[in-house]
N, C-alpha and C. Protein backbone atom coordinates (compact mmCIF):
# COMPACT_ATOMS: atom_id res chain seq x y z
N MET A 1 15.26 -10.77 -10.21
CA MET A 1 14.36 -10.12 -9.28
C MET A 1 12.92 -10.37 -9.70
N ALA A 2 12.05 -10.49 -8.73
CA ALA A 2 10.63 -10.74 -8.98
C ALA A 2 9.81 -9.54 -8.51
N ASP A 3 8.78 -9.21 -9.28
CA ASP A 3 7.90 -8.09 -8.96
C ASP A 3 6.46 -8.58 -8.85
N ILE A 4 5.70 -7.92 -7.99
CA ILE A 4 4.26 -8.11 -7.91
C ILE A 4 3.64 -6.90 -8.61
N ALA A 5 2.78 -7.14 -9.58
CA ALA A 5 2.15 -6.04 -10.30
C ALA A 5 0.64 -6.26 -10.30
N MET A 6 -0.08 -5.25 -9.87
CA MET A 6 -1.54 -5.33 -9.79
C MET A 6 -2.14 -4.00 -10.19
N GLN A 7 -3.41 -4.04 -10.57
CA GLN A 7 -4.17 -2.81 -10.75
C GLN A 7 -5.64 -3.10 -10.49
N LEU A 8 -6.34 -2.08 -10.04
CA LEU A 8 -7.77 -2.22 -9.82
C LEU A 8 -8.46 -0.90 -10.03
N THR A 9 -9.68 -0.98 -10.52
CA THR A 9 -10.51 0.20 -10.70
C THR A 9 -11.26 0.45 -9.40
N ILE A 10 -11.24 1.70 -8.97
CA ILE A 10 -11.90 2.10 -7.73
C ILE A 10 -12.88 3.21 -8.08
N GLU A 11 -14.12 3.03 -7.70
CA GLU A 11 -15.17 4.03 -7.96
C GLU A 11 -15.12 5.09 -6.87
N ALA A 12 -14.07 5.91 -6.93
CA ALA A 12 -13.88 6.98 -5.95
C ALA A 12 -13.04 8.07 -6.61
N GLU A 13 -12.99 9.21 -5.96
CA GLU A 13 -12.16 10.32 -6.44
C GLU A 13 -10.69 10.01 -6.18
N ALA A 14 -9.83 10.58 -7.02
CA ALA A 14 -8.38 10.39 -6.86
C ALA A 14 -7.91 10.84 -5.48
N ASP A 15 -8.45 11.94 -4.96
CA ASP A 15 -8.05 12.44 -3.64
C ASP A 15 -8.39 11.44 -2.54
N THR A 16 -9.50 10.74 -2.66
CA THR A 16 -9.89 9.74 -1.67
C THR A 16 -8.91 8.58 -1.66
N VAL A 17 -8.51 8.13 -2.84
CA VAL A 17 -7.55 7.02 -2.95
C VAL A 17 -6.19 7.48 -2.45
N ARG A 18 -5.79 8.67 -2.79
CA ARG A 18 -4.51 9.22 -2.32
C ARG A 18 -4.48 9.26 -0.80
N GLU A 19 -5.54 9.74 -0.19
CA GLU A 19 -5.62 9.78 1.28
C GLU A 19 -5.50 8.38 1.87
N ALA A 20 -6.10 7.40 1.22
CA ALA A 20 -6.08 6.03 1.73
C ALA A 20 -4.69 5.41 1.71
N ILE A 21 -3.87 5.78 0.73
CA ILE A 21 -2.55 5.15 0.62
C ILE A 21 -1.43 5.97 1.25
N ALA A 22 -1.67 7.26 1.50
CA ALA A 22 -0.55 8.13 1.87
C ALA A 22 -0.68 8.82 3.22
N THR A 23 -1.77 8.58 3.96
CA THR A 23 -1.93 9.21 5.26
C THR A 23 -2.16 8.16 6.34
N GLY A 24 -1.85 8.53 7.56
CA GLY A 24 -2.03 7.59 8.66
C GLY A 24 -3.47 7.14 8.81
N ALA A 25 -4.41 8.07 8.79
CA ALA A 25 -5.82 7.70 8.93
C ALA A 25 -6.25 6.77 7.80
N GLY A 26 -5.78 7.06 6.60
CA GLY A 26 -6.13 6.22 5.46
C GLY A 26 -5.56 4.81 5.58
N VAL A 27 -4.27 4.69 5.83
CA VAL A 27 -3.61 3.38 5.92
C VAL A 27 -4.22 2.55 7.06
N ARG A 28 -4.54 3.21 8.17
CA ARG A 28 -5.15 2.49 9.30
C ARG A 28 -6.58 2.05 9.01
N SER A 29 -7.16 2.53 7.93
CA SER A 29 -8.54 2.18 7.60
C SER A 29 -8.68 0.98 6.68
N TRP A 30 -7.59 0.52 6.05
CA TRP A 30 -7.70 -0.64 5.15
C TRP A 30 -6.54 -1.61 5.26
N PHE A 31 -5.39 -1.14 5.76
CA PHE A 31 -4.21 -1.99 5.73
C PHE A 31 -3.97 -2.63 7.10
N THR A 32 -3.42 -1.87 8.03
CA THR A 32 -3.23 -2.36 9.39
C THR A 32 -3.63 -1.26 10.36
N ALA A 33 -4.33 -1.64 11.40
CA ALA A 33 -4.83 -0.66 12.36
C ALA A 33 -3.70 -0.03 13.17
N ASP A 34 -2.53 -0.66 13.18
CA ASP A 34 -1.38 -0.15 13.93
C ASP A 34 -0.33 0.34 12.94
N ALA A 35 -0.48 1.57 12.52
CA ALA A 35 0.43 2.16 11.53
C ALA A 35 0.76 3.59 11.92
N ALA A 36 2.04 3.91 11.89
CA ALA A 36 2.50 5.29 12.04
C ALA A 36 2.99 5.71 10.65
N VAL A 37 2.32 6.69 10.06
CA VAL A 37 2.58 7.05 8.67
C VAL A 37 2.98 8.51 8.58
N GLY A 38 4.24 8.73 8.17
CA GLY A 38 4.70 10.08 7.91
C GLY A 38 4.38 10.46 6.48
N GLU A 39 4.28 11.73 6.22
CA GLU A 39 3.91 12.18 4.88
C GLU A 39 5.04 13.01 4.28
N GLY A 40 5.26 12.84 2.98
CA GLY A 40 6.27 13.59 2.26
C GLY A 40 7.57 12.81 2.11
N VAL A 41 8.37 13.23 1.14
CA VAL A 41 9.64 12.55 0.86
C VAL A 41 10.53 12.56 2.10
N GLY A 42 11.09 11.39 2.41
CA GLY A 42 11.94 11.22 3.57
C GLY A 42 11.21 10.72 4.80
N ALA A 43 9.89 10.80 4.80
CA ALA A 43 9.11 10.33 5.96
C ALA A 43 9.13 8.82 6.03
N GLU A 44 8.72 8.31 7.17
CA GLU A 44 8.70 6.86 7.39
C GLU A 44 7.29 6.36 7.64
N HIS A 45 7.03 5.17 7.13
CA HIS A 45 5.82 4.42 7.48
C HIS A 45 6.28 3.25 8.34
N ALA A 46 5.69 3.07 9.50
CA ALA A 46 5.98 1.93 10.37
C ALA A 46 4.69 1.14 10.52
N LEU A 47 4.67 -0.07 9.97
CA LEU A 47 3.47 -0.90 9.94
C LEU A 47 3.64 -2.10 10.86
N THR A 48 2.74 -2.24 11.81
CA THR A 48 2.80 -3.34 12.75
C THR A 48 1.74 -4.37 12.39
N PHE A 49 2.13 -5.65 12.43
CA PHE A 49 1.24 -6.75 12.08
C PHE A 49 1.18 -7.76 13.23
N PRO A 50 0.03 -8.40 13.43
CA PRO A 50 -0.09 -9.41 14.48
C PRO A 50 0.98 -10.50 14.33
N GLY A 51 1.63 -10.85 15.44
CA GLY A 51 2.62 -11.92 15.45
C GLY A 51 3.98 -11.53 14.91
N VAL A 52 4.17 -10.27 14.53
CA VAL A 52 5.46 -9.81 14.01
C VAL A 52 6.12 -8.96 15.10
N ALA A 53 7.37 -9.28 15.43
CA ALA A 53 8.05 -8.69 16.58
C ALA A 53 8.25 -7.17 16.48
N GLU A 54 8.60 -6.67 15.31
CA GLU A 54 8.83 -5.24 15.17
C GLU A 54 8.12 -4.71 13.93
N PRO A 55 7.82 -3.41 13.92
CA PRO A 55 7.15 -2.84 12.74
C PRO A 55 8.02 -2.96 11.49
N TRP A 56 7.37 -3.14 10.36
CA TRP A 56 8.05 -3.07 9.08
C TRP A 56 8.11 -1.60 8.72
N ARG A 57 9.29 -1.13 8.38
CA ARG A 57 9.51 0.28 8.11
C ARG A 57 9.76 0.51 6.62
N LEU A 58 9.12 1.56 6.13
CA LEU A 58 9.29 1.97 4.73
C LEU A 58 9.61 3.45 4.71
N ARG A 59 10.43 3.87 3.77
CA ARG A 59 10.77 5.27 3.63
C ARG A 59 10.12 5.81 2.35
N VAL A 60 9.50 6.99 2.45
CA VAL A 60 8.88 7.62 1.29
C VAL A 60 10.00 8.22 0.44
N THR A 61 10.12 7.73 -0.80
CA THR A 61 11.15 8.26 -1.71
C THR A 61 10.57 9.16 -2.79
N GLU A 62 9.28 9.08 -2.99
CA GLU A 62 8.59 9.96 -3.93
C GLU A 62 7.16 10.15 -3.44
N SER A 63 6.70 11.38 -3.47
CA SER A 63 5.35 11.68 -3.03
C SER A 63 4.79 12.81 -3.89
N ALA A 64 3.88 12.44 -4.78
CA ALA A 64 3.23 13.41 -5.65
C ALA A 64 1.72 13.21 -5.53
N GLU A 65 0.97 14.08 -6.16
CA GLU A 65 -0.49 14.01 -6.05
C GLU A 65 -1.04 12.64 -6.45
N ARG A 66 -0.45 12.02 -7.46
CA ARG A 66 -0.98 10.76 -7.97
C ARG A 66 0.05 9.64 -8.01
N ARG A 67 1.12 9.79 -7.24
CA ARG A 67 2.16 8.77 -7.23
C ARG A 67 2.82 8.76 -5.85
N LEU A 68 2.99 7.57 -5.32
CA LEU A 68 3.66 7.38 -4.03
C LEU A 68 4.63 6.21 -4.18
N VAL A 69 5.88 6.42 -3.76
CA VAL A 69 6.88 5.37 -3.82
C VAL A 69 7.47 5.18 -2.43
N LEU A 70 7.47 3.93 -1.97
CA LEU A 70 7.99 3.58 -0.65
C LEU A 70 9.09 2.53 -0.82
N GLU A 71 10.15 2.70 -0.05
CA GLU A 71 11.27 1.76 -0.09
C GLU A 71 11.35 1.02 1.24
N GLY A 72 11.38 -0.32 1.18
CA GLY A 72 11.46 -1.13 2.39
C GLY A 72 12.79 -0.95 3.09
N ALA A 73 12.75 -0.70 4.41
CA ALA A 73 13.97 -0.45 5.16
C ALA A 73 14.37 -1.61 6.08
N ASN A 74 13.42 -2.48 6.40
CA ASN A 74 13.74 -3.61 7.28
C ASN A 74 12.74 -4.73 7.03
N GLY A 75 12.91 -5.82 7.74
CA GLY A 75 11.98 -6.94 7.61
C GLY A 75 12.00 -7.55 6.21
N PRO A 76 10.97 -8.29 5.89
CA PRO A 76 10.95 -9.01 4.61
C PRO A 76 10.80 -8.10 3.39
N TRP A 77 10.46 -6.83 3.60
CA TRP A 77 10.36 -5.89 2.48
C TRP A 77 11.64 -5.09 2.28
N SER A 78 12.65 -5.36 3.07
CA SER A 78 13.92 -4.65 2.94
C SER A 78 14.45 -4.79 1.51
N GLY A 79 14.81 -3.66 0.93
CA GLY A 79 15.34 -3.68 -0.43
C GLY A 79 14.30 -3.73 -1.53
N THR A 80 13.02 -3.75 -1.18
CA THR A 80 11.96 -3.73 -2.18
C THR A 80 11.38 -2.32 -2.28
N THR A 81 10.68 -2.07 -3.37
CA THR A 81 10.07 -0.77 -3.61
C THR A 81 8.60 -0.96 -3.97
N GLN A 82 7.74 -0.18 -3.32
CA GLN A 82 6.31 -0.18 -3.62
C GLN A 82 5.96 1.11 -4.33
N THR A 83 5.33 0.99 -5.49
CA THR A 83 4.92 2.16 -6.26
C THR A 83 3.42 2.13 -6.48
N TYR A 84 2.75 3.19 -6.07
CA TYR A 84 1.32 3.37 -6.27
C TYR A 84 1.14 4.49 -7.28
N GLU A 85 0.34 4.26 -8.31
CA GLU A 85 0.02 5.29 -9.29
C GLU A 85 -1.50 5.37 -9.42
N ILE A 86 -2.04 6.57 -9.40
CA ILE A 86 -3.48 6.80 -9.51
C ILE A 86 -3.74 7.43 -10.87
N LEU A 87 -4.53 6.74 -11.70
CA LEU A 87 -4.83 7.20 -13.05
C LEU A 87 -6.34 7.38 -13.20
N ASP A 88 -6.75 8.39 -13.95
CA ASP A 88 -8.17 8.60 -14.21
C ASP A 88 -8.72 7.53 -15.14
N VAL A 89 -9.96 7.16 -14.92
CA VAL A 89 -10.70 6.26 -15.81
C VAL A 89 -11.75 7.10 -16.52
N PRO A 90 -11.79 7.08 -17.85
CA PRO A 90 -12.74 7.94 -18.59
C PRO A 90 -14.19 7.76 -18.14
N GLU A 91 -14.58 6.57 -17.78
CA GLU A 91 -15.97 6.30 -17.38
C GLU A 91 -16.26 6.76 -15.94
N GLY A 92 -15.23 7.17 -15.21
CA GLY A 92 -15.37 7.59 -13.83
C GLY A 92 -14.55 6.74 -12.90
N GLY A 93 -14.21 7.28 -11.76
CA GLY A 93 -13.37 6.58 -10.81
C GLY A 93 -11.91 6.66 -11.23
N VAL A 94 -11.11 5.83 -10.61
CA VAL A 94 -9.67 5.82 -10.91
C VAL A 94 -9.17 4.40 -11.04
N LEU A 95 -8.02 4.28 -11.66
CA LEU A 95 -7.30 3.03 -11.73
C LEU A 95 -6.11 3.16 -10.80
N LEU A 96 -5.99 2.26 -9.84
CA LEU A 96 -4.81 2.23 -8.98
C LEU A 96 -3.88 1.16 -9.53
N ARG A 97 -2.73 1.59 -9.96
CA ARG A 97 -1.71 0.68 -10.49
C ARG A 97 -0.63 0.54 -9.42
N PHE A 98 -0.28 -0.69 -9.07
CA PHE A 98 0.64 -0.96 -7.97
C PHE A 98 1.71 -1.94 -8.42
N THR A 99 2.95 -1.64 -8.04
CA THR A 99 4.05 -2.57 -8.26
C THR A 99 4.86 -2.65 -6.98
N HIS A 100 5.10 -3.88 -6.54
CA HIS A 100 6.00 -4.12 -5.41
C HIS A 100 7.19 -4.86 -6.00
N ALA A 101 8.28 -4.12 -6.21
CA ALA A 101 9.42 -4.61 -7.00
C ALA A 101 10.62 -4.94 -6.13
N GLY A 102 11.43 -5.87 -6.64
CA GLY A 102 12.72 -6.13 -6.03
C GLY A 102 12.83 -7.36 -5.16
N PHE A 103 11.85 -8.25 -5.20
CA PHE A 103 11.98 -9.49 -4.45
C PHE A 103 13.10 -10.33 -5.08
N PRO A 104 14.01 -10.88 -4.28
CA PRO A 104 15.13 -11.61 -4.87
C PRO A 104 14.73 -12.91 -5.57
N VAL A 105 13.67 -13.56 -5.09
CA VAL A 105 13.22 -14.83 -5.68
C VAL A 105 11.71 -14.95 -5.55
N GLN A 106 11.14 -15.85 -6.36
CA GLN A 106 9.72 -16.16 -6.24
C GLN A 106 9.58 -17.38 -5.33
N ASP A 107 9.75 -17.15 -4.03
CA ASP A 107 9.66 -18.22 -3.05
C ASP A 107 8.29 -18.18 -2.36
N ASP A 108 8.14 -18.95 -1.29
CA ASP A 108 6.86 -18.98 -0.58
C ASP A 108 6.50 -17.62 0.00
N ALA A 109 7.47 -16.88 0.52
CA ALA A 109 7.19 -15.55 1.06
C ALA A 109 6.65 -14.63 -0.03
N TYR A 110 7.26 -14.67 -1.20
CA TYR A 110 6.81 -13.86 -2.34
C TYR A 110 5.36 -14.22 -2.68
N ARG A 111 5.06 -15.49 -2.74
CA ARG A 111 3.70 -15.93 -3.06
C ARG A 111 2.71 -15.47 -1.98
N ASN A 112 3.11 -15.54 -0.72
CA ASN A 112 2.25 -15.07 0.36
C ASN A 112 2.00 -13.57 0.26
N PHE A 113 3.03 -12.80 -0.10
CA PHE A 113 2.85 -11.36 -0.26
C PHE A 113 1.93 -11.06 -1.44
N THR A 114 2.04 -11.83 -2.51
CA THR A 114 1.16 -11.62 -3.67
C THR A 114 -0.29 -11.80 -3.24
N TYR A 115 -0.57 -12.87 -2.53
CA TYR A 115 -1.93 -13.11 -2.04
C TYR A 115 -2.34 -12.00 -1.05
N GLY A 116 -1.43 -11.63 -0.16
CA GLY A 116 -1.73 -10.60 0.83
C GLY A 116 -2.11 -9.28 0.18
N TRP A 117 -1.36 -8.87 -0.84
CA TRP A 117 -1.70 -7.62 -1.53
C TRP A 117 -3.07 -7.71 -2.18
N ALA A 118 -3.36 -8.84 -2.79
CA ALA A 118 -4.68 -8.99 -3.43
C ALA A 118 -5.80 -8.83 -2.40
N THR A 119 -5.65 -9.42 -1.24
CA THR A 119 -6.70 -9.30 -0.22
C THR A 119 -6.76 -7.90 0.35
N LYS A 120 -5.61 -7.27 0.56
CA LYS A 120 -5.61 -5.92 1.12
C LYS A 120 -6.18 -4.91 0.13
N PHE A 121 -5.95 -5.12 -1.18
CA PHE A 121 -6.52 -4.19 -2.15
C PHE A 121 -8.03 -4.34 -2.24
N THR A 122 -8.55 -5.49 -1.92
CA THR A 122 -10.00 -5.64 -1.81
C THR A 122 -10.52 -4.74 -0.68
N ALA A 123 -9.79 -4.73 0.44
CA ALA A 123 -10.16 -3.86 1.56
C ALA A 123 -9.98 -2.38 1.21
N LEU A 124 -8.92 -2.04 0.49
CA LEU A 124 -8.70 -0.66 0.06
C LEU A 124 -9.84 -0.18 -0.83
N LYS A 125 -10.21 -1.00 -1.80
CA LYS A 125 -11.30 -0.65 -2.72
C LYS A 125 -12.59 -0.40 -1.94
N ALA A 126 -12.92 -1.32 -1.04
CA ALA A 126 -14.14 -1.18 -0.24
C ALA A 126 -14.10 0.09 0.60
N TYR A 127 -12.97 0.37 1.23
CA TYR A 127 -12.85 1.56 2.06
C TYR A 127 -13.00 2.83 1.22
N ALA A 128 -12.30 2.91 0.09
CA ALA A 128 -12.36 4.11 -0.75
C ALA A 128 -13.76 4.34 -1.31
N GLU A 129 -14.47 3.26 -1.62
CA GLU A 129 -15.79 3.39 -2.22
C GLU A 129 -16.90 3.62 -1.20
N THR A 130 -16.73 3.11 0.02
CA THR A 130 -17.82 3.20 1.01
C THR A 130 -17.49 4.03 2.23
N GLY A 131 -16.19 4.24 2.50
CA GLY A 131 -15.80 4.94 3.72
C GLY A 131 -15.81 4.06 4.96
N GLN A 132 -16.11 2.77 4.78
CA GLN A 132 -16.16 1.84 5.91
C GLN A 132 -14.79 1.20 6.12
N PRO A 133 -14.14 1.44 7.26
CA PRO A 133 -12.82 0.86 7.51
C PRO A 133 -12.88 -0.67 7.65
N ALA A 134 -11.80 -1.33 7.24
CA ALA A 134 -11.67 -2.78 7.38
C ALA A 134 -10.20 -3.15 7.47
N PRO A 135 -9.47 -2.61 8.47
CA PRO A 135 -8.04 -2.90 8.56
C PRO A 135 -7.76 -4.25 9.22
N LEU A 136 -6.53 -4.70 9.07
CA LEU A 136 -6.05 -5.86 9.80
C LEU A 136 -5.87 -5.41 11.24
N LEU A 137 -6.49 -6.10 12.18
CA LEU A 137 -6.42 -5.70 13.58
C LEU A 137 -5.34 -6.50 14.29
N GLY A 138 -4.64 -5.83 15.18
CA GLY A 138 -3.52 -6.46 15.87
C GLY A 138 -3.82 -6.93 17.24
């Protein structure tokens, strides 16, 4: 199995980052503008992307103040798990640690997702630090 592991420092409060990754308004502000996001364990995230026939669905399996775990239910993320952890940085801001685990192989799709996460986390950082939305538009 192959995992994508990333982390980035965000000059924002933990609550701001949590809102960005775990609420509909937040996800629609940096990830994809067409997202239906349920909150709490058992809820579903349905993310729609341009050129993709149906939304990619994820189920919330863990939801805490500083940790969110999503399990892919369909599409190319089926069987994978996304884990977001928010950690304090002594100098200020937070560290967002992210793992997207469970890819069966390191193929072209895996490489494309690695690049995609890197670009989307740039948008997440900008949104959390400035409040200016920059989602993928459909």
